[in-house]
Amino acid sequence: GLILLKMLSEYIDMNNMLPTLSSEVVHRVVEILKFFNTRTCQLILGAGAMQVSGLKSITSKHLALASQVISFVYAIIPEIRRVLFLKVPEARKALLLSEIDRVAQ
């Protein structure tokens, strides 16, 4: 979760420093959020962490931590969206807004 937060922070910084790339930055943030969600599901709900890291089982602690991180990410999506879309050209906003809304769902 902390690594994801750092990555998102770096993308926001890039968006602020290079506004001409804002549409691409938003698209990459959407892709990272999709990947995070998919990978979390694979590792925790799909028990992939047992093969990858050698865990003997997925415990309620693992499920709770994954749930907390996903809830945290879900809670910050509106703020990420607000900050990123300050620089996005109007012509691209509708498409990118629908993408980020789909990820939040």
PDB file of N, CA and C in Angstrom:
ATOM      1  N   GLY A   1       0.804  -1.183   0.000  1.00  0.00           N
ATOM      2  CA  GLY A   1       0.000   0.000   0.000  1.00  0.00           C
ATOM      3  C   GLY A   1       0.857   1.261   0.000  1.00  0.00           C
ATOM      4  N   LEU A   2       1.931   1.219   0.776  1.00  0.00           N
ATOM      5  CA  LEU A   2       2.812   2.388   0.839  1.00  0.00           C
ATOM      6  C   LEU A   2       3.559   2.603  -0.469  1.00  0.00           C
ATOM      7  N   ILE A   3       3.950   1.512  -1.089  1.00  0.00           N
ATOM      8  CA  ILE A   3       4.631   1.623  -2.385  1.00  0.00           C
ATOM      9  C   ILE A   3       3.668   2.183  -3.428  1.00  0.00           C
ATOM     10  N   LEU A   4       2.447   1.718  -3.414  1.00  0.00           N
ATOM     11  CA  LEU A   4       1.440   2.246  -4.336  1.00  0.00           C
ATOM     12  C   LEU A   4       1.222   3.737  -4.093  1.00  0.00           C
ATOM     13  N   LEU A   5       1.130   4.134  -2.840  1.00  0.00           N
ATOM     14  CA  LEU A   5       0.938   5.546  -2.508  1.00  0.00           C
ATOM     15  C   LEU A   5       2.112   6.385  -3.014  1.00  0.00           C
ATOM     16  N   LYS A   6       3.324   5.886  -2.855  1.00  0.00           N
ATOM     17  CA  LYS A   6       4.508   6.601  -3.354  1.00  0.00           C
ATOM     18  C   LYS A   6       4.466   6.719  -4.874  1.00  0.00           C
ATOM     19  N   MET A   7       4.085   5.652  -5.553  1.00  0.00           N
ATOM     20  CA  MET A   7       3.980   5.694  -7.011  1.00  0.00           C
ATOM     21  C   MET A   7       2.934   6.721  -7.451  1.00  0.00           C
ATOM     22  N   LEU A   8       1.794   6.721  -6.793  1.00  0.00           N
ATOM     23  CA  LEU A   8       0.746   7.683  -7.134  1.00  0.00           C
ATOM     24  C   LEU A   8       1.229   9.114  -6.895  1.00  0.00           C
ATOM     25  N   SER A   9       1.950   9.310  -5.813  1.00  0.00           N
ATOM     26  CA  SER A   9       2.508  10.628  -5.516  1.00  0.00           C
ATOM     27  C   SER A   9       3.470  11.081  -6.605  1.00  0.00           C
ATOM     28  N   GLU A  10       4.291  10.155  -7.087  1.00  0.00           N
ATOM     29  CA  GLU A  10       5.236  10.491  -8.151  1.00  0.00           C
ATOM     30  C   GLU A  10       4.514  10.830  -9.455  1.00  0.00           C
ATOM     31  N   TYR A  11       3.446  10.120  -9.744  1.00  0.00           N
ATOM     32  CA  TYR A  11       2.662  10.439 -10.939  1.00  0.00           C
ATOM     33  C   TYR A  11       1.996  11.810 -10.810  1.00  0.00           C
ATOM     34  N   ILE A  12       1.524  12.139  -9.619  1.00  0.00           N
ATOM     35  CA  ILE A  12       0.925  13.458  -9.410  1.00  0.00           C
ATOM     36  C   ILE A  12       1.981  14.547  -9.589  1.00  0.00           C
ATOM     37  N   ASP A  13       3.179  14.315  -9.067  1.00  0.00           N
ATOM     38  CA  ASP A  13       4.271  15.271  -9.260  1.00  0.00           C
ATOM     39  C   ASP A  13       4.591  15.440 -10.742  1.00  0.00           C
ATOM     40  N   MET A  14       4.643  14.331 -11.461  1.00  0.00           N
ATOM     41  CA  MET A  14       4.913  14.383 -12.895  1.00  0.00           C
ATOM     42  C   MET A  14       3.804  15.154 -13.619  1.00  0.00           C
ATOM     43  N   ASN A  15       2.578  14.929 -13.215  1.00  0.00           N
ATOM     44  CA  ASN A  15       1.446  15.628 -13.814  1.00  0.00           C
ATOM     45  C   ASN A  15       1.570  17.141 -13.604  1.00  0.00           C
ATOM     46  N   ASN A  16       2.028  17.534 -12.429  1.00  0.00           N
ATOM     47  CA  ASN A  16       2.173  18.957 -12.132  1.00  0.00           C
ATOM     48  C   ASN A  16       3.348  19.585 -12.878  1.00  0.00           C
ATOM     49  N   MET A  17       4.422  18.835 -13.053  1.00  0.00           N
ATOM     50  CA  MET A  17       5.613  19.371 -13.704  1.00  0.00           C
ATOM     51  C   MET A  17       5.534  19.329 -15.230  1.00  0.00           C
ATOM     52  N   LEU A  18       4.816  18.363 -15.756  1.00  0.00           N
ATOM     53  CA  LEU A  18       4.695  18.194 -17.209  1.00  0.00           C
ATOM     54  C   LEU A  18       3.215  18.142 -17.603  1.00  0.00           C
ATOM     55  N   PRO A  19       2.538  19.279 -17.564  1.00  0.00           N
ATOM     56  CA  PRO A  19       1.094  19.277 -17.838  1.00  0.00           C
ATOM     57  C   PRO A  19       0.718  18.790 -19.234  1.00  0.00           C
ATOM     58  N   THR A  20       1.648  18.843 -20.175  1.00  0.00           N
ATOM     59  CA  THR A  20       1.324  18.345 -21.514  1.00  0.00           C
ATOM     60  C   THR A  20       1.142  16.827 -21.534  1.00  0.00           C
ATOM     61  N   LEU A  21       1.659  16.165 -20.517  1.00  0.00           N
ATOM     62  CA  LEU A  21       1.517  14.704 -20.423  1.00  0.00           C
ATOM     63  C   LEU A  21       0.374  14.284 -19.500  1.00  0.00           C
ATOM     64  N   SER A  22      -0.461  15.213 -19.100  1.00  0.00           N
ATOM     65  CA  SER A  22      -1.472  14.910 -18.091  1.00  0.00           C
ATOM     66  C   SER A  22      -2.433  13.792 -18.500  1.00  0.00           C
ATOM     67  N   SER A  23      -2.830  13.754 -19.760  1.00  0.00           N
ATOM     68  CA  SER A  23      -3.730  12.682 -20.204  1.00  0.00           C
ATOM     69  C   SER A  23      -3.061  11.322 -20.071  1.00  0.00           C
ATOM     70  N   GLU A  24      -1.813  11.254 -20.443  1.00  0.00           N
ATOM     71  CA  GLU A  24      -1.060   9.999 -20.331  1.00  0.00           C
ATOM     72  C   GLU A  24      -0.854   9.614 -18.865  1.00  0.00           C
ATOM     73  N   VAL A  25      -0.586  10.588 -18.032  1.00  0.00           N
ATOM     74  CA  VAL A  25      -0.400  10.324 -16.600  1.00  0.00           C
ATOM     75  C   VAL A  25      -1.677   9.745 -16.002  1.00  0.00           C
ATOM     76  N   VAL A  26      -2.815  10.332 -16.330  1.00  0.00           N
ATOM     77  CA  VAL A  26      -4.092   9.818 -15.813  1.00  0.00           C
ATOM     78  C   VAL A  26      -4.313   8.387 -16.295  1.00  0.00           C
ATOM     79  N   HIS A  27      -4.025   8.139 -17.551  1.00  0.00           N
ATOM     80  CA  HIS A  27      -4.177   6.789 -18.084  1.00  0.00           C
ATOM     81  C   HIS A  27      -3.275   5.802 -17.334  1.00  0.00           C
ATOM     82  N   ARG A  28      -2.047   6.193 -17.058  1.00  0.00           N
ATOM     83  CA  ARG A  28      -1.113   5.316 -16.323  1.00  0.00           C
ATOM     84  C   ARG A  28      -1.570   5.083 -14.887  1.00  0.00           C
ATOM     85  N   VAL A  29      -2.114   6.107 -14.260  1.00  0.00           N
ATOM     86  CA  VAL A  29      -2.637   5.943 -12.900  1.00  0.00           C
ATOM     87  C   VAL A  29      -3.792   4.952 -12.905  1.00  0.00           C
ATOM     88  N   VAL A  30      -4.655   5.049 -13.886  1.00  0.00           N
ATOM     89  CA  VAL A  30      -5.766   4.096 -14.013  1.00  0.00           C
ATOM     90  C   VAL A  30      -5.215   2.674 -14.168  1.00  0.00           C
ATOM     91  N   GLU A  31      -4.200   2.514 -15.010  1.00  0.00           N
ATOM     92  CA  GLU A  31      -3.612   1.193 -15.215  1.00  0.00           C
ATOM     93  C   GLU A  31      -2.987   0.645 -13.938  1.00  0.00           C
ATOM     94  N   ILE A  32      -2.304   1.494 -13.179  1.00  0.00           N
ATOM     95  CA  ILE A  32      -1.691   1.054 -11.912  1.00  0.00           C
ATOM     96  C   ILE A  32      -2.763   0.617 -10.927  1.00  0.00           C
ATOM     97  N   LEU A  33      -3.832   1.385 -10.828  1.00  0.00           N
ATOM     98  CA  LEU A  33      -4.914   1.028  -9.907  1.00  0.00           C
ATOM     99  C   LEU A  33      -5.587  -0.284 -10.316  1.00  0.00           C
ATOM    100  N   LYS A  34      -5.787  -0.478 -11.611  1.00  0.00           N
ATOM    101  CA  LYS A  34      -6.352  -1.748 -12.099  1.00  0.00           C
ATOM    102  C   LYS A  34      -5.426  -2.913 -11.759  1.00  0.00           C
ATOM    103  N   PHE A  35      -4.136  -2.716 -12.023  1.00  0.00           N
ATOM    104  CA  PHE A  35      -3.166  -3.777 -11.748  1.00  0.00           C
ATOM    105  C   PHE A  35      -3.118  -4.098 -10.260  1.00  0.00           C
ATOM    106  N   PHE A  36      -3.122  -3.073  -9.417  1.00  0.00           N
ATOM    107  CA  PHE A  36      -3.098  -3.286  -7.970  1.00  0.00           C
ATOM    108  C   PHE A  36      -4.299  -4.113  -7.528  1.00  0.00           C
ATOM    109  N   ASN A  37      -5.476  -3.757  -8.018  1.00  0.00           N
ATOM    110  CA  ASN A  37      -6.686  -4.481  -7.646  1.00  0.00           C
ATOM    111  C   ASN A  37      -6.634  -5.933  -8.122  1.00  0.00           C
ATOM    112  N   THR A  38      -6.234  -6.119  -9.369  1.00  0.00           N
ATOM    113  CA  THR A  38      -6.149  -7.477  -9.928  1.00  0.00           C
ATOM    114  C   THR A  38      -5.142  -8.326  -9.169  1.00  0.00           C
ATOM    115  N   ARG A  39      -3.982  -7.749  -8.921  1.00  0.00           N
ATOM    116  CA  ARG A  39      -2.912  -8.504  -8.252  1.00  0.00           C
ATOM    117  C   ARG A  39      -3.290  -8.824  -6.807  1.00  0.00           C
ATOM    118  N   THR A  40      -3.945  -7.883  -6.129  1.00  0.00           N
ATOM    119  CA  THR A  40      -4.392  -8.143  -4.763  1.00  0.00           C
ATOM    120  C   THR A  40      -5.384  -9.302  -4.743  1.00  0.00           C
ATOM    121  N   CYS A  41      -6.306  -9.297  -5.670  1.00  0.00           N
ATOM    122  CA  CYS A  41      -7.279 -10.395  -5.761  1.00  0.00           C
ATOM    123  C   CYS A  41      -6.586 -11.724  -6.027  1.00  0.00           C
ATOM    124  N   GLN A  42      -5.618 -11.717  -6.946  1.00  0.00           N
ATOM    125  CA  GLN A  42      -4.897 -12.949  -7.270  1.00  0.00           C
ATOM    126  C   GLN A  42      -4.127 -13.482  -6.064  1.00  0.00           C
ATOM    127  N   LEU A  43      -3.432 -12.605  -5.373  1.00  0.00           N
ATOM    128  CA  LEU A  43      -2.570 -13.044  -4.274  1.00  0.00           C
ATOM    129  C   LEU A  43      -3.344 -13.421  -3.021  1.00  0.00           C
ATOM    130  N   ILE A  44      -4.351 -12.639  -2.677  1.00  0.00           N
ATOM    131  CA  ILE A  44      -5.058 -12.882  -1.422  1.00  0.00           C
ATOM    132  C   ILE A  44      -6.287 -13.764  -1.627  1.00  0.00           C
ATOM    133  N   LEU A  45      -7.207 -13.331  -2.460  1.00  0.00           N
ATOM    134  CA  LEU A  45      -8.431 -14.115  -2.651  1.00  0.00           C
ATOM    135  C   LEU A  45      -8.171 -15.385  -3.451  1.00  0.00           C
ATOM    136  N   GLY A  46      -7.268 -15.309  -4.408  1.00  0.00           N
ATOM    137  CA  GLY A  46      -6.933 -16.482  -5.210  1.00  0.00           C
ATOM    138  C   GLY A  46      -5.842 -17.343  -4.608  1.00  0.00           C
ATOM    139  N   ALA A  47      -5.354 -16.959  -3.433  1.00  0.00           N
ATOM    140  CA  ALA A  47      -4.335 -17.690  -2.692  1.00  0.00           C
ATOM    141  C   ALA A  47      -3.015 -17.805  -3.446  1.00  0.00           C
ATOM    142  N   GLY A  48      -2.759 -16.904  -4.376  1.00  0.00           N
ATOM    143  CA  GLY A  48      -1.496 -16.910  -5.114  1.00  0.00           C
ATOM    144  C   GLY A  48      -0.291 -16.626  -4.239  1.00  0.00           C
ATOM    145  N   ALA A  49      -0.510 -15.932  -3.119  1.00  0.00           N
ATOM    146  CA  ALA A  49       0.598 -15.621  -2.214  1.00  0.00           C
ATOM    147  C   ALA A  49       1.193 -16.890  -1.607  1.00  0.00           C
ATOM    148  N   MET A  50       0.412 -17.935  -1.559  1.00  0.00           N
ATOM    149  CA  MET A  50       0.927 -19.193  -1.009  1.00  0.00           C
ATOM    150  C   MET A  50       2.013 -19.767  -1.911  1.00  0.00           C
ATOM    151  N   GLN A  51       1.871 -19.630  -3.213  1.00  0.00           N
ATOM    152  CA  GLN A  51       2.886 -20.124  -4.123  1.00  0.00           C
ATOM    153  C   GLN A  51       4.036 -19.126  -4.270  1.00  0.00           C
ATOM    154  N   VAL A  52       3.719 -17.836  -4.321  1.00  0.00           N
ATOM    155  CA  VAL A  52       4.727 -16.807  -4.580  1.00  0.00           C
ATOM    156  C   VAL A  52       5.661 -16.626  -3.395  1.00  0.00           C
ATOM    157  N   SER A  53       5.116 -16.537  -2.194  1.00  0.00           N
ATOM    158  CA  SER A  53       5.957 -16.227  -1.039  1.00  0.00           C
ATOM    159  C   SER A  53       6.112 -17.385  -0.064  1.00  0.00           C
ATOM    160  N   GLY A  54       5.497 -18.489  -0.349  1.00  0.00           N
ATOM    161  CA  GLY A  54       5.640 -19.652   0.511  1.00  0.00           C
ATOM    162  C   GLY A  54       4.771 -19.624   1.758  1.00  0.00           C
ATOM    163  N   LEU A  55       3.736 -18.808   1.767  1.00  0.00           N
ATOM    164  CA  LEU A  55       2.824 -18.823   2.913  1.00  0.00           C
ATOM    165  C   LEU A  55       2.139 -20.178   2.994  1.00  0.00           C
ATOM    166  N   LYS A  56       1.879 -20.610   4.217  1.00  0.00           N
ATOM    167  CA  LYS A  56       1.188 -21.885   4.388  1.00  0.00           C
ATOM    168  C   LYS A  56      -0.320 -21.737   4.221  1.00  0.00           C
ATOM    169  N   SER A  57      -0.813 -20.544   4.546  1.00  0.00           N
ATOM    170  CA  SER A  57      -2.244 -20.278   4.371  1.00  0.00           C
ATOM    171  C   SER A  57      -2.470 -18.769   4.314  1.00  0.00           C
ATOM    172  N   ILE A  58      -3.628 -18.410   3.815  1.00  0.00           N
ATOM    173  CA  ILE A  58      -4.063 -17.012   3.818  1.00  0.00           C
ATOM    174  C   ILE A  58      -4.945 -16.859   5.042  1.00  0.00           C
ATOM    175  N   THR A  59      -4.502 -16.029   5.978  1.00  0.00           N
ATOM    176  CA  THR A  59      -5.224 -15.881   7.240  1.00  0.00           C
ATOM    177  C   THR A  59      -6.156 -14.680   7.196  1.00  0.00           C
ATOM    178  N   SER A  60      -6.959 -14.561   8.242  1.00  0.00           N
ATOM    179  CA  SER A  60      -7.848 -13.405   8.340  1.00  0.00           C
ATOM    180  C   SER A  60      -7.041 -12.111   8.437  1.00  0.00           C
ATOM    181  N   LYS A  61      -5.836 -12.182   8.985  1.00  0.00           N
ATOM    182  CA  LYS A  61      -4.975 -10.997   9.056  1.00  0.00           C
ATOM    183  C   LYS A  61      -4.606 -10.527   7.646  1.00  0.00           C
ATOM    184  N   HIS A  62      -4.265 -11.461   6.758  1.00  0.00           N
ATOM    185  CA  HIS A  62      -3.941 -11.115   5.377  1.00  0.00           C
ATOM    186  C   HIS A  62      -5.142 -10.484   4.680  1.00  0.00           C
ATOM    187  N   LEU A  63      -6.316 -11.075   4.886  1.00  0.00           N
ATOM    188  CA  LEU A  63      -7.540 -10.544   4.286  1.00  0.00           C
ATOM    189  C   LEU A  63      -7.847  -9.143   4.826  1.00  0.00           C
ATOM    190  N   ALA A  64      -7.664  -8.959   6.129  1.00  0.00           N
ATOM    191  CA  ALA A  64      -7.947  -7.655   6.738  1.00  0.00           C
ATOM    192  C   ALA A  64      -6.983  -6.589   6.217  1.00  0.00           C
ATOM    193  N   LEU A  65      -5.702  -6.915   6.116  1.00  0.00           N
ATOM    194  CA  LEU A  65      -4.730  -5.946   5.612  1.00  0.00           C
ATOM    195  C   LEU A  65      -5.020  -5.576   4.157  1.00  0.00           C
ATOM    196  N   ALA A  66      -5.336  -6.572   3.357  1.00  0.00           N
ATOM    197  CA  ALA A  66      -5.668  -6.298   1.953  1.00  0.00           C
ATOM    198  C   ALA A  66      -6.917  -5.428   1.872  1.00  0.00           C
ATOM    199  N   SER A  67      -7.905  -5.721   2.681  1.00  0.00           N
ATOM    200  CA  SER A  67      -9.132  -4.938   2.695  1.00  0.00           C
ATOM    201  C   SER A  67      -8.867  -3.498   3.120  1.00  0.00           C
ATOM    202  N   GLN A  68      -8.016  -3.305   4.113  1.00  0.00           N
ATOM    203  CA  GLN A  68      -7.695  -1.953   4.575  1.00  0.00           C
ATOM    204  C   GLN A  68      -6.977  -1.147   3.501  1.00  0.00           C
ATOM    205  N   VAL A  69      -6.045  -1.772   2.815  1.00  0.00           N
ATOM    206  CA  VAL A  69      -5.316  -1.062   1.757  1.00  0.00           C
ATOM    207  C   VAL A  69      -6.259  -0.704   0.614  1.00  0.00           C
ATOM    208  N   ILE A  70      -7.098  -1.637   0.225  1.00  0.00           N
ATOM    209  CA  ILE A  70      -8.055  -1.358  -0.850  1.00  0.00           C
ATOM    210  C   ILE A  70      -9.023  -0.249  -0.423  1.00  0.00           C
ATOM    211  N   SER A  71      -9.480  -0.265   0.814  1.00  0.00           N
ATOM    212  CA  SER A  71     -10.367   0.787   1.313  1.00  0.00           C
ATOM    213  C   SER A  71      -9.654   2.135   1.316  1.00  0.00           C
ATOM    214  N   PHE A  72      -8.385   2.146   1.702  1.00  0.00           N
ATOM    215  CA  PHE A  72      -7.610   3.386   1.700  1.00  0.00           C
ATOM    216  C   PHE A  72      -7.477   3.937   0.279  1.00  0.00           C
ATOM    217  N   VAL A  73      -7.119   3.073  -0.648  1.00  0.00           N
ATOM    218  CA  VAL A  73      -6.971   3.504  -2.046  1.00  0.00           C
ATOM    219  C   VAL A  73      -8.305   4.026  -2.567  1.00  0.00           C
ATOM    220  N   TYR A  74      -9.371   3.332  -2.259  1.00  0.00           N
ATOM    221  CA  TYR A  74     -10.700   3.767  -2.693  1.00  0.00           C
ATOM    222  C   TYR A  74     -11.024   5.155  -2.115  1.00  0.00           C
ATOM    223  N   ALA A  75     -10.620   5.390  -0.868  1.00  0.00           N
ATOM    224  CA  ALA A  75     -10.905   6.670  -0.218  1.00  0.00           C
ATOM    225  C   ALA A  75     -10.121   7.829  -0.831  1.00  0.00           C
ATOM    226  N   ILE A  76      -8.932   7.562  -1.360  1.00  0.00           N
ATOM    227  CA  ILE A  76      -8.129   8.663  -1.903  1.00  0.00           C
ATOM    228  C   ILE A  76      -8.353   8.882  -3.399  1.00  0.00           C
ATOM    229  N   ILE A  77      -9.070   8.000  -4.054  1.00  0.00           N
ATOM    230  CA  ILE A  77      -9.313   8.157  -5.500  1.00  0.00           C
ATOM    231  C   ILE A  77      -9.967   9.501  -5.834  1.00  0.00           C
ATOM    232  N   PRO A  78     -10.968   9.969  -5.090  1.00  0.00           N
ATOM    233  CA  PRO A  78     -11.551  11.272  -5.450  1.00  0.00           C
ATOM    234  C   PRO A  78     -10.530  12.418  -5.407  1.00  0.00           C
ATOM    235  N   GLU A  79      -9.642  12.399  -4.439  1.00  0.00           N
ATOM    236  CA  GLU A  79      -8.635  13.461  -4.352  1.00  0.00           C
ATOM    237  C   GLU A  79      -7.608  13.325  -5.471  1.00  0.00           C
ATOM    238  N   ILE A  80      -7.194  12.104  -5.767  1.00  0.00           N
ATOM    239  CA  ILE A  80      -6.268  11.873  -6.886  1.00  0.00           C
ATOM    240  C   ILE A  80      -6.919  12.362  -8.174  1.00  0.00           C
ATOM    241  N   ARG A  81      -8.156  12.014  -8.343  1.00  0.00           N
ATOM    242  CA  ARG A  81      -8.909  12.428  -9.536  1.00  0.00           C
ATOM    243  C   ARG A  81      -8.964  13.950  -9.648  1.00  0.00           C
ATOM    244  N   ARG A  82      -9.295  14.619  -8.545  1.00  0.00           N
ATOM    245  CA  ARG A  82      -9.388  16.077  -8.541  1.00  0.00           C
ATOM    246  C   ARG A  82      -8.056  16.715  -8.929  1.00  0.00           C
ATOM    247  N   VAL A  83      -6.973  16.251  -8.323  1.00  0.00           N
ATOM    248  CA  VAL A  83      -5.650  16.833  -8.580  1.00  0.00           C
ATOM    249  C   VAL A  83      -5.201  16.561 -10.014  1.00  0.00           C
ATOM    250  N   LEU A  84      -5.382  15.343 -10.485  1.00  0.00           N
ATOM    251  CA  LEU A  84      -4.907  14.999 -11.823  1.00  0.00           C
ATOM    252  C   LEU A  84      -5.692  15.717 -12.917  1.00  0.00           C
ATOM    253  N   PHE A  85      -6.977  15.905 -12.720  1.00  0.00           N
ATOM    254  CA  PHE A  85      -7.801  16.462 -13.787  1.00  0.00           C
ATOM    255  C   PHE A  85      -7.726  17.983 -13.903  1.00  0.00           C
ATOM    256  N   LEU A  86      -6.949  18.610 -13.032  1.00  0.00           N
ATOM    257  CA  LEU A  86      -6.747  20.055 -13.164  1.00  0.00           C
ATOM    258  C   LEU A  86      -6.010  20.396 -14.457  1.00  0.00           C
ATOM    259  N   LYS A  87      -5.159  19.483 -14.929  1.00  0.00           N
ATOM    260  CA  LYS A  87      -4.314  19.745 -16.095  1.00  0.00           C
ATOM    261  C   LYS A  87      -4.782  19.048 -17.375  1.00  0.00           C
ATOM    262  N   VAL A  88      -5.780  18.187 -17.272  1.00  0.00           N
ATOM    263  CA  VAL A  88      -6.222  17.414 -18.439  1.00  0.00           C
ATOM    264  C   VAL A  88      -7.032  18.319 -19.378  1.00  0.00           C
ATOM    265  N   PRO A  89      -6.733  18.257 -20.682  1.00  0.00           N
ATOM    266  CA  PRO A  89      -7.510  19.057 -21.648  1.00  0.00           C
ATOM    267  C   PRO A  89      -8.981  18.631 -21.658  1.00  0.00           C
ATOM    268  N   GLU A  90      -9.846  19.587 -21.881  1.00  0.00           N
ATOM    269  CA  GLU A  90     -11.294  19.337 -21.870  1.00  0.00           C
ATOM    270  C   GLU A  90     -11.700  18.225 -22.834  1.00  0.00           C
ATOM    271  N   ALA A  91     -11.040  18.148 -23.972  1.00  0.00           N
ATOM    272  CA  ALA A  91     -11.392  17.152 -24.986  1.00  0.00           C
ATOM    273  C   ALA A  91     -11.205  15.720 -24.480  1.00  0.00           C
ATOM    274  N   ARG A  92     -10.295  15.512 -23.545  1.00  0.00           N
ATOM    275  CA  ARG A  92     -10.001  14.162 -23.047  1.00  0.00           C
ATOM    276  C   ARG A  92     -10.668  13.847 -21.716  1.00  0.00           C
ATOM    277  N   LYS A  93     -11.221  14.857 -21.058  1.00  0.00           N
ATOM    278  CA  LYS A  93     -11.739  14.665 -19.699  1.00  0.00           C
ATOM    279  C   LYS A  93     -12.827  13.603 -19.607  1.00  0.00           C
ATOM    280  N   ALA A  94     -13.781  13.620 -20.491  1.00  0.00           N
ATOM    281  CA  ALA A  94     -14.914  12.698 -20.392  1.00  0.00           C
ATOM    282  C   ALA A  94     -14.456  11.239 -20.430  1.00  0.00           C
ATOM    283  N   LEU A  95     -13.588  10.922 -21.380  1.00  0.00           N
ATOM    284  CA  LEU A  95     -13.101   9.546 -21.500  1.00  0.00           C
ATOM    285  C   LEU A  95     -12.303   9.132 -20.268  1.00  0.00           C
ATOM    286  N   LEU A  96     -11.396   9.998 -19.839  1.00  0.00           N
ATOM    287  CA  LEU A  96     -10.551   9.667 -18.695  1.00  0.00           C
ATOM    288  C   LEU A  96     -11.352   9.608 -17.395  1.00  0.00           C
ATOM    289  N   LEU A  97     -12.351  10.466 -17.265  1.00  0.00           N
ATOM    290  CA  LEU A  97     -13.205  10.416 -16.074  1.00  0.00           C
ATOM    291  C   LEU A  97     -13.955   9.090 -15.999  1.00  0.00           C
ATOM    292  N   SER A  98     -14.438   8.621 -17.134  1.00  0.00           N
ATOM    293  CA  SER A  98     -15.147   7.332 -17.133  1.00  0.00           C
ATOM    294  C   SER A  98     -14.200   6.195 -16.774  1.00  0.00           C
ATOM    295  N   GLU A  99     -12.949   6.271 -17.232  1.00  0.00           N
ATOM    296  CA  GLU A  99     -11.966   5.232 -16.891  1.00  0.00           C
ATOM    297  C   GLU A  99     -11.687   5.191 -15.400  1.00  0.00           C
ATOM    298  N   ILE A 100     -11.453   6.356 -14.812  1.00  0.00           N
ATOM    299  CA  ILE A 100     -11.125   6.381 -13.387  1.00  0.00           C
ATOM    300  C   ILE A 100     -12.344   6.008 -12.534  1.00  0.00           C
ATOM    301  N   ASP A 101     -13.538   6.362 -12.986  1.00  0.00           N
ATOM    302  CA  ASP A 101     -14.759   5.960 -12.274  1.00  0.00           C
ATOM    303  C   ASP A 101     -14.959   4.446 -12.324  1.00  0.00           C
ATOM    304  N   ARG A 102     -14.634   3.860 -13.460  1.00  0.00           N
ATOM    305  CA  ARG A 102     -14.749   2.400 -13.603  1.00  0.00           C
ATOM    306  C   ARG A 102     -13.790   1.682 -12.656  1.00  0.00           C
ATOM    307  N   VAL A 103     -12.588   2.222 -12.498  1.00  0.00           N
ATOM    308  CA  VAL A 103     -11.617   1.627 -11.569  1.00  0.00           C
ATOM    309  C   VAL A 103     -12.135   1.727 -10.135  1.00  0.00           C
ATOM    310  N   ALA A 104     -12.719   2.865  -9.789  1.00  0.00           N
ATOM    311  CA  ALA A 104     -13.237   3.047  -8.440  1.00  0.00           C
ATOM    312  C   ALA A 104     -14.355   2.048  -8.135  1.00  0.00           C
ATOM    313  N   GLN A 105     -15.146   1.712  -9.156  1.00  0.00           N
ATOM    314  CA  GLN A 105     -16.219   0.739  -8.953  1.00  0.00           C
ATOM    315  C   GLN A 105     -15.634  -0.633  -8.722  1.00  0.00           C
TER     316      GLN A 105
END
